[in-house]
Amino acid sequence: MTTSDTWKKSSYSGGGEGNACVEVAHRHPRIAVRDSKAPERAVLSFPAHAFAAFTGHLGTCEAVGGE
């Protein structure tokens, strides 16, 4: 699905072309998330407050296996 949203890639996109990540777009009052390798495929959508809580928790994890 192609939209006029402004998609932003993660700052942790990896090397190369930076396409090994997810992209996010603000669709008030929700946050849309898609796979940067397949942007035409399905988009996930979350309430903005839930996405903020999720990303905030990620910042507190010490490693990928953190809780």
PDB file of N, CA and C in Angstrom:
ATOM      1  N   MET A   1       0.842  -1.179   0.000  1.00  0.00           N
ATOM      2  CA  MET A   1       0.000   0.000   0.000  1.00  0.00           C
ATOM      3  C   MET A   1       0.882   1.235   0.000  1.00  0.00           C
ATOM      4  N   THR A   2       0.731   2.091  -0.948  1.00  0.00           N
ATOM      5  CA  THR A   2       1.499   3.319  -1.012  1.00  0.00           C
ATOM      6  C   THR A   2       0.639   4.454  -0.489  1.00  0.00           C
ATOM      7  N   THR A   3       1.210   5.222   0.424  1.00  0.00           N
ATOM      8  CA  THR A   3       0.486   6.352   0.987  1.00  0.00           C
ATOM      9  C   THR A   3       1.352   7.583   0.890  1.00  0.00           C
ATOM     10  N   SER A   4       0.797   8.726   1.231  1.00  0.00           N
ATOM     11  CA  SER A   4       1.561   9.968   1.225  1.00  0.00           C
ATOM     12  C   SER A   4       2.196  10.226   2.586  1.00  0.00           C
ATOM     13  N   ASP A   5       2.190   9.224   3.462  1.00  0.00           N
ATOM     14  CA  ASP A   5       2.802   9.375   4.775  1.00  0.00           C
ATOM     15  C   ASP A   5       4.293   9.648   4.637  1.00  0.00           C
ATOM     16  N   THR A   6       4.850  10.315   5.638  1.00  0.00           N
ATOM     17  CA  THR A   6       6.286  10.506   5.707  1.00  0.00           C
ATOM     18  C   THR A   6       6.834   9.386   6.568  1.00  0.00           C
ATOM     19  N   TRP A   7       7.486   8.441   5.935  1.00  0.00           N
ATOM     20  CA  TRP A   7       8.035   7.290   6.625  1.00  0.00           C
ATOM     21  C   TRP A   7       9.452   7.596   7.066  1.00  0.00           C
ATOM     22  N   LYS A   8       9.782   7.208   8.297  1.00  0.00           N
ATOM     23  CA  LYS A   8      11.119   7.422   8.844  1.00  0.00           C
ATOM     24  C   LYS A   8      11.709   6.078   9.224  1.00  0.00           C
ATOM     25  N   LYS A   9      12.983   5.888   8.864  1.00  0.00           N
ATOM     26  CA  LYS A   9      13.669   4.644   9.204  1.00  0.00           C
ATOM     27  C   LYS A   9      14.280   4.752  10.592  1.00  0.00           C
ATOM     28  N   SER A  10      14.419   3.619  11.215  1.00  0.00           N
ATOM     29  CA  SER A  10      15.050   3.529  12.519  1.00  0.00           C
ATOM     30  C   SER A  10      16.489   4.025  12.441  1.00  0.00           C
ATOM     31  N   SER A  11      16.967   4.608  13.520  1.00  0.00           N
ATOM     32  CA  SER A  11      18.370   5.027  13.575  1.00  0.00           C
ATOM     33  C   SER A  11      19.283   3.816  13.712  1.00  0.00           C
ATOM     34  N   TYR A  12      18.716   2.637  13.937  1.00  0.00           N
ATOM     35  CA  TYR A  12      19.464   1.387  14.040  1.00  0.00           C
ATOM     36  C   TYR A  12      19.272   0.546  12.781  1.00  0.00           C
ATOM     37  N   SER A  13      19.243   1.174  11.623  1.00  0.00           N
ATOM     38  CA  SER A  13      18.931   0.497  10.372  1.00  0.00           C
ATOM     39  C   SER A  13      20.020  -0.433   9.870  1.00  0.00           C
ATOM     40  N   GLY A  14      21.194  -0.347  10.403  1.00  0.00           N
ATOM     41  CA  GLY A  14      22.281  -1.198   9.935  1.00  0.00           C
ATOM     42  C   GLY A  14      23.035  -0.541   8.807  1.00  0.00           C
ATOM     43  N   GLY A  15      23.990  -1.279   8.271  1.00  0.00           N
ATOM     44  CA  GLY A  15      24.830  -0.744   7.208  1.00  0.00           C
ATOM     45  C   GLY A  15      24.166  -0.816   5.851  1.00  0.00           C
ATOM     46  N   GLY A  16      24.956  -0.564   4.842  1.00  0.00           N
ATOM     47  CA  GLY A  16      24.451  -0.631   3.465  1.00  0.00           C
ATOM     48  C   GLY A  16      23.436   0.450   3.191  1.00  0.00           C
ATOM     49  N   GLU A  17      22.347   0.063   2.589  1.00  0.00           N
ATOM     50  CA  GLU A  17      21.305   1.016   2.221  1.00  0.00           C
ATOM     51  C   GLU A  17      20.343   1.300   3.366  1.00  0.00           C
ATOM     52  N   GLY A  18      20.575   0.695   4.511  1.00  0.00           N
ATOM     53  CA  GLY A  18      19.711   0.933   5.657  1.00  0.00           C
ATOM     54  C   GLY A  18      18.335   0.327   5.513  1.00  0.00           C
ATOM     55  N   ASN A  19      18.239  -0.785   4.803  1.00  0.00           N
ATOM     56  CA  ASN A  19      16.914  -1.367   4.565  1.00  0.00           C
ATOM     57  C   ASN A  19      16.647  -2.609   5.404  1.00  0.00           C
ATOM     58  N   ALA A  20      17.434  -2.822   6.449  1.00  0.00           N
ATOM     59  CA  ALA A  20      17.222  -3.970   7.337  1.00  0.00           C
ATOM     60  C   ALA A  20      16.551  -3.483   8.615  1.00  0.00           C
ATOM     61  N   CYS A  21      15.421  -2.838   8.466  1.00  0.00           N
ATOM     62  CA  CYS A  21      14.779  -2.241   9.632  1.00  0.00           C
ATOM     63  C   CYS A  21      13.281  -2.088   9.408  1.00  0.00           C
ATOM     64  N   VAL A  22      12.680  -1.403  10.332  1.00  0.00           N
ATOM     65  CA  VAL A  22      11.291  -1.008  10.181  1.00  0.00           C
ATOM     66  C   VAL A  22      11.247   0.492   9.938  1.00  0.00           C
ATOM     67  N   GLU A  23      10.139   0.939   9.406  1.00  0.00           N
ATOM     68  CA  GLU A  23       9.893   2.361   9.210  1.00  0.00           C
ATOM     69  C   GLU A  23       8.621   2.703   9.965  1.00  0.00           C
ATOM     70  N   VAL A  24       8.544   3.926  10.440  1.00  0.00           N
ATOM     71  CA  VAL A  24       7.355   4.380  11.155  1.00  0.00           C
ATOM     72  C   VAL A  24       6.824   5.665  10.529  1.00  0.00           C
ATOM     73  N   ALA A  25       5.531   5.859  10.654  1.00  0.00           N
ATOM     74  CA  ALA A  25       4.878   7.084  10.185  1.00  0.00           C
ATOM     75  C   ALA A  25       3.813   7.468  11.197  1.00  0.00           C
ATOM     76  N   HIS A  26       3.660   8.756  11.416  1.00  0.00           N
ATOM     77  CA  HIS A  26       2.633   9.246  12.342  1.00  0.00           C
ATOM     78  C   HIS A  26       1.328   9.412  11.575  1.00  0.00           C
ATOM     79  N   ARG A  27       0.322   8.678  11.996  1.00  0.00           N
ATOM     80  CA  ARG A  27      -1.039   8.776  11.436  1.00  0.00           C
ATOM     81  C   ARG A  27      -1.965   9.099  12.590  1.00  0.00           C
ATOM     82  N   HIS A  28      -1.963  10.330  12.979  1.00  0.00           N
ATOM     83  CA  HIS A  28      -2.676  10.780  14.174  1.00  0.00           C
ATOM     84  C   HIS A  28      -4.054  10.135  14.270  1.00  0.00           C
ATOM     85  N   PRO A  29      -4.403   9.521  15.360  1.00  0.00           N
ATOM     86  CA  PRO A  29      -3.701   9.408  16.647  1.00  0.00           C
ATOM     87  C   PRO A  29      -2.926   8.104  16.786  1.00  0.00           C
ATOM     88  N   ARG A  30      -2.525   7.512  15.675  1.00  0.00           N
ATOM     89  CA  ARG A  30      -1.856   6.209  15.705  1.00  0.00           C
ATOM     90  C   ARG A  30      -0.465   6.308  15.097  1.00  0.00           C
ATOM     91  N   ILE A  31       0.333   5.252  15.295  1.00  0.00           N
ATOM     92  CA  ILE A  31       1.654   5.134  14.694  1.00  0.00           C
ATOM     93  C   ILE A  31       1.619   3.921  13.772  1.00  0.00           C
ATOM     94  N   ALA A  32       2.015   4.104  12.523  1.00  0.00           N
ATOM     95  CA  ALA A  32       2.048   3.014  11.551  1.00  0.00           C
ATOM     96  C   ALA A  32       3.480   2.480  11.462  1.00  0.00           C
ATOM     97  N   VAL A  33       3.607   1.177  11.301  1.00  0.00           N
ATOM     98  CA  VAL A  33       4.918   0.511  11.224  1.00  0.00           C
ATOM     99  C   VAL A  33       4.901  -0.424  10.026  1.00  0.00           C
ATOM    100  N   ARG A  34       5.990  -0.404   9.248  1.00  0.00           N
ATOM    101  CA  ARG A  34       6.103  -1.311   8.106  1.00  0.00           C
ATOM    102  C   ARG A  34       7.542  -1.805   7.961  1.00  0.00           C
ATOM    103  N   ASP A  35       7.713  -2.869   7.209  1.00  0.00           N
ATOM    104  CA  ASP A  35       9.017  -3.450   6.927  1.00  0.00           C
ATOM    105  C   ASP A  35       9.644  -2.662   5.781  1.00  0.00           C
ATOM    106  N   SER A  36      10.851  -2.137   5.991  1.00  0.00           N
ATOM    107  CA  SER A  36      11.484  -1.328   4.953  1.00  0.00           C
ATOM    108  C   SER A  36      11.854  -2.143   3.712  1.00  0.00           C
ATOM    109  N   LYS A  37      11.999  -3.474   3.854  1.00  0.00           N
ATOM    110  CA  LYS A  37      12.331  -4.326   2.708  1.00  0.00           C
ATOM    111  C   LYS A  37      11.107  -4.614   1.845  1.00  0.00           C
ATOM    112  N   ALA A  38       9.915  -4.420   2.393  1.00  0.00           N
ATOM    113  CA  ALA A  38       8.684  -4.713   1.650  1.00  0.00           C
ATOM    114  C   ALA A  38       7.625  -3.666   1.992  1.00  0.00           C
ATOM    115  N   PRO A  39       7.861  -2.405   1.630  1.00  0.00           N
ATOM    116  CA  PRO A  39       6.941  -1.330   2.028  1.00  0.00           C
ATOM    117  C   PRO A  39       5.541  -1.438   1.431  1.00  0.00           C
ATOM    118  N   GLU A  40       5.395  -2.217   0.365  1.00  0.00           N
ATOM    119  CA  GLU A  40       4.077  -2.367  -0.262  1.00  0.00           C
ATOM    120  C   GLU A  40       3.202  -3.369   0.465  1.00  0.00           C
ATOM    121  N   ARG A  41       3.778  -4.093   1.410  1.00  0.00           N
ATOM    122  CA  ARG A  41       3.027  -5.104   2.151  1.00  0.00           C
ATOM    123  C   ARG A  41       2.275  -4.470   3.310  1.00  0.00           C
ATOM    124  N   ALA A  42       1.742  -5.290   4.161  1.00  0.00           N
ATOM    125  CA  ALA A  42       0.879  -4.844   5.257  1.00  0.00           C
ATOM    126  C   ALA A  42       1.569  -3.854   6.191  1.00  0.00           C
ATOM    127  N   VAL A  43       0.775  -2.967   6.746  1.00  0.00           N
ATOM    128  CA  VAL A  43       1.230  -1.966   7.712  1.00  0.00           C
ATOM    129  C   VAL A  43       0.545  -2.274   9.038  1.00  0.00           C
ATOM    130  N   LEU A  44       1.313  -2.264  10.118  1.00  0.00           N
ATOM    131  CA  LEU A  44       0.744  -2.406  11.456  1.00  0.00           C
ATOM    132  C   LEU A  44       0.473  -1.016  11.998  1.00  0.00           C
ATOM    133  N   SER A  45      -0.569  -0.885  12.787  1.00  0.00           N
ATOM    134  CA  SER A  45      -0.935   0.411  13.346  1.00  0.00           C
ATOM    135  C   SER A  45      -1.207   0.255  14.837  1.00  0.00           C
ATOM    136  N   PHE A  46      -0.636   1.173  15.625  1.00  0.00           N
ATOM    137  CA  PHE A  46      -0.763   1.119  17.079  1.00  0.00           C
ATOM    138  C   PHE A  46      -1.214   2.467  17.616  1.00  0.00           C
ATOM    139  N   PRO A  47      -1.978   2.477  18.725  1.00  0.00           N
ATOM    140  CA  PRO A  47      -2.269   3.748  19.372  1.00  0.00           C
ATOM    141  C   PRO A  47      -0.934   4.408  19.766  1.00  0.00           C
ATOM    142  N   ALA A  48      -0.824   5.700  19.584  1.00  0.00           N
ATOM    143  CA  ALA A  48       0.432   6.406  19.846  1.00  0.00           C
ATOM    144  C   ALA A  48       0.944   6.160  21.259  1.00  0.00           C
ATOM    145  N   HIS A  49       0.053   6.143  22.260  1.00  0.00           N
ATOM    146  CA  HIS A  49       0.500   5.948  23.644  1.00  0.00           C
ATOM    147  C   HIS A  49       1.072   4.550  23.852  1.00  0.00           C
ATOM    148  N   ALA A  50       0.506   3.546  23.187  1.00  0.00           N
ATOM    149  CA  ALA A  50       1.012   2.177  23.312  1.00  0.00           C
ATOM    150  C   ALA A  50       2.373   2.041  22.635  1.00  0.00           C
ATOM    151  N   PHE A  51       2.551   2.679  21.484  1.00  0.00           N
ATOM    152  CA  PHE A  51       3.835   2.625  20.786  1.00  0.00           C
ATOM    153  C   PHE A  51       4.912   3.346  21.596  1.00  0.00           C
ATOM    154  N   ALA A  52       4.562   4.463  22.213  1.00  0.00           N
ATOM    155  CA  ALA A  52       5.515   5.191  23.056  1.00  0.00           C
ATOM    156  C   ALA A  52       5.940   4.340  24.249  1.00  0.00           C
ATOM    157  N   ALA A  53       5.005   3.634  24.861  1.00  0.00           N
ATOM    158  CA  ALA A  53       5.340   2.759  25.989  1.00  0.00           C
ATOM    159  C   ALA A  53       6.259   1.631  25.526  1.00  0.00           C
ATOM    160  N   PHE A  54       5.967   1.057  24.363  1.00  0.00           N
ATOM    161  CA  PHE A  54       6.788  -0.021  23.815  1.00  0.00           C
ATOM    162  C   PHE A  54       8.214   0.454  23.549  1.00  0.00           C
ATOM    163  N   THR A  55       8.370   1.561  22.841  1.00  0.00           N
ATOM    164  CA  THR A  55       9.716   2.046  22.536  1.00  0.00           C
ATOM    165  C   THR A  55      10.432   2.526  23.793  1.00  0.00           C
ATOM    166  N   GLY A  56       9.706   3.038  24.758  1.00  0.00           N
ATOM    167  CA  GLY A  56      10.320   3.429  26.019  1.00  0.00           C
ATOM    168  C   GLY A  56      10.876   2.230  26.761  1.00  0.00           C
ATOM    169  N   HIS A  57      10.153   1.138  26.714  1.00  0.00           N
ATOM    170  CA  HIS A  57      10.623  -0.091  27.352  1.00  0.00           C
ATOM    171  C   HIS A  57      11.863  -0.638  26.661  1.00  0.00           C
ATOM    172  N   LEU A  58      11.925  -0.528  25.348  1.00  0.00           N
ATOM    173  CA  LEU A  58      13.094  -0.993  24.604  1.00  0.00           C
ATOM    174  C   LEU A  58      14.349  -0.290  25.085  1.00  0.00           C
ATOM    175  N   GLY A  59      14.235   0.974  25.393  1.00  0.00           N
ATOM    176  CA  GLY A  59      15.389   1.737  25.867  1.00  0.00           C
ATOM    177  C   GLY A  59      15.903   1.288  27.209  1.00  0.00           C
ATOM    178  N   THR A  60      15.070   0.566  27.970  1.00  0.00           N
ATOM    179  CA  THR A  60      15.497   0.098  29.282  1.00  0.00           C
ATOM    180  C   THR A  60      16.090  -1.301  29.241  1.00  0.00           C
ATOM    181  N   CYS A  61      15.967  -1.994  28.117  1.00  0.00           N
ATOM    182  CA  CYS A  61      16.515  -3.352  27.974  1.00  0.00           C
ATOM    183  C   CYS A  61      18.024  -3.264  27.835  1.00  0.00           C
ATOM    184  N   GLU A  62      18.721  -4.148  28.547  1.00  0.00           N
ATOM    185  CA  GLU A  62      20.169  -4.149  28.482  1.00  0.00           C
ATOM    186  C   GLU A  62      20.697  -4.847  27.245  1.00  0.00           C
ATOM    187  N   ALA A  63      19.965  -5.809  26.725  1.00  0.00           N
ATOM    188  CA  ALA A  63      20.396  -6.554  25.548  1.00  0.00           C
ATOM    189  C   ALA A  63      19.152  -7.090  24.853  1.00  0.00           C
ATOM    190  N   VAL A  64      19.345  -7.698  23.723  1.00  0.00           N
ATOM    191  CA  VAL A  64      18.214  -8.246  22.969  1.00  0.00           C
ATOM    192  C   VAL A  64      17.405  -9.192  23.822  1.00  0.00           C
ATOM    193  N   GLY A  65      18.042  -9.974  24.660  1.00  0.00           N
ATOM    194  CA  GLY A  65      17.352 -10.921  25.533  1.00  0.00           C
ATOM    195  C   GLY A  65      16.874 -10.319  26.829  1.00  0.00           C
ATOM    196  N   GLY A  66      17.012  -8.990  26.996  1.00  0.00           N
ATOM    197  CA  GLY A  66      16.608  -8.337  28.254  1.00  0.00           C
ATOM    198  C   GLY A  66      15.120  -8.400  28.481  1.00  0.00           C
ATOM    199  N   GLU A  67      14.719  -8.166  29.719  1.00  0.00           N
ATOM    200  CA  GLU A  67      13.288  -8.202  30.051  1.00  0.00           C
ATOM    201  C   GLU A  67      12.792  -6.829  30.344  1.00  0.00           C
TER     202      GLU A  67
END
